[in-house]
């Protein structure tokens, strides 16, 4: 994340890693700053007007998704 922010001129920005989208949204609603979240995760808040979208540079991020399969089921 730091490298991504540096690439877009935000090297000095303070940031906190929060692994819950709900907590991120509530903190922004309470005035604790801004957050980078998938646009699809704030549909309801945009509709209600409790959050707003700020356009900015395209920050493409990916999250790896894997499938884990058991070799053998217990009998």
Protein backbone atom coordinates (compact mmCIF):
# COMPACT_ATOMS: atom_id res chain seq x y z
CA UNK A 1 0.00 0.00 0.00
CA UNK A 2 2.81 2.45 0.84
CA UNK A 3 4.34 1.95 -2.60
CA UNK A 4 0.98 2.54 -4.25
CA UNK A 5 0.53 5.80 -2.33
CA UNK A 6 4.10 6.89 -3.15
CA UNK A 7 3.50 6.28 -6.85
CA UNK A 8 0.63 8.77 -6.73
CA UNK A 9 2.43 11.51 -4.79
CA UNK A 10 1.06 10.59 -1.36
CA UNK A 11 4.30 9.37 0.24
CA UNK A 12 3.79 11.42 3.42
CA UNK A 13 0.20 10.32 4.01
CA UNK A 14 -0.51 8.67 7.34
CA UNK A 15 -2.44 5.43 7.01
CA UNK A 16 -3.81 2.66 9.17
CA UNK A 17 -4.53 -0.83 7.88
CA UNK A 18 -8.10 -1.82 8.81
CA UNK A 19 -9.23 -5.20 7.52
CA UNK A 20 -12.97 -4.60 7.91
CA UNK A 21 -14.86 -2.68 5.23
CA UNK A 22 -17.62 -1.92 7.73
CA UNK A 23 -15.16 -0.37 10.19
CA UNK A 24 -13.48 1.62 7.41
CA UNK A 25 -16.82 3.06 6.32
CA UNK A 26 -17.91 3.91 9.89
CA UNK A 27 -14.59 5.66 10.60
CA UNK A 28 -14.92 7.81 7.47
CA UNK A 29 -18.53 8.62 8.37
CA UNK A 30 -17.28 9.71 11.81
CA UNK A 31 -14.76 12.08 10.22
CA UNK A 32 -11.52 10.15 10.78
CA UNK A 33 -10.28 10.64 7.21
CA UNK A 34 -10.68 8.96 3.85
CA UNK A 35 -10.53 5.33 2.79
CA UNK A 36 -9.70 3.32 -0.29
CA UNK A 37 -12.46 0.74 -0.73
CA UNK A 38 -14.10 -0.99 -3.70
CA UNK A 39 -16.76 1.34 -5.11
CA UNK A 40 -19.25 -1.54 -5.01
CA UNK A 41 -18.92 -1.71 -1.20
CA UNK A 42 -20.42 1.75 -0.65
CA UNK A 43 -23.60 1.60 -2.76
CA UNK A 44 -25.91 1.97 0.25
CA UNK A 45 -23.86 4.78 1.84
CA UNK A 46 -23.79 6.70 -1.47
CA UNK A 47 -27.56 6.32 -1.77
CA UNK A 48 -28.07 7.54 1.82
CA UNK A 49 -25.56 10.38 1.40
CA UNK A 50 -23.46 9.30 4.39
CA UNK A 51 -20.37 8.83 2.17
CA UNK A 52 -19.31 10.34 -1.11
CA UNK A 53 -16.99 9.28 -3.89
CA UNK A 54 -13.89 11.40 -4.50
CA UNK A 55 -12.46 10.94 -7.99
CA UNK A 56 -8.74 10.46 -8.10
CA UNK A 57 -6.04 8.58 -9.92
CA UNK A 58 -6.87 5.05 -10.93
CA UNK A 59 -5.54 2.91 -8.09
CA UNK A 60 -5.68 -0.61 -9.45
CA UNK A 61 -5.29 -3.17 -6.68
CA UNK A 62 -5.80 -6.90 -6.70
CA UNK A 63 -6.57 -9.46 -4.06
CA UNK A 64 -5.50 -13.02 -4.78
CA UNK A 65 -8.27 -15.57 -4.52
CA UNK A 66 -7.41 -19.25 -4.16
CA UNK A 67 -9.29 -22.51 -3.92
CA UNK A 68 -8.21 -25.06 -1.35
CA UNK A 69 -9.45 -28.60 -1.79
CA UNK A 70 -8.99 -31.54 0.54
CA UNK A 71 -7.24 -34.50 -1.01
CA UNK A 72 -9.33 -37.04 0.82
CA UNK A 73 -12.48 -36.70 2.88
CA UNK A 74 -12.58 -38.50 6.22
CA UNK A 75 -14.57 -41.73 6.21
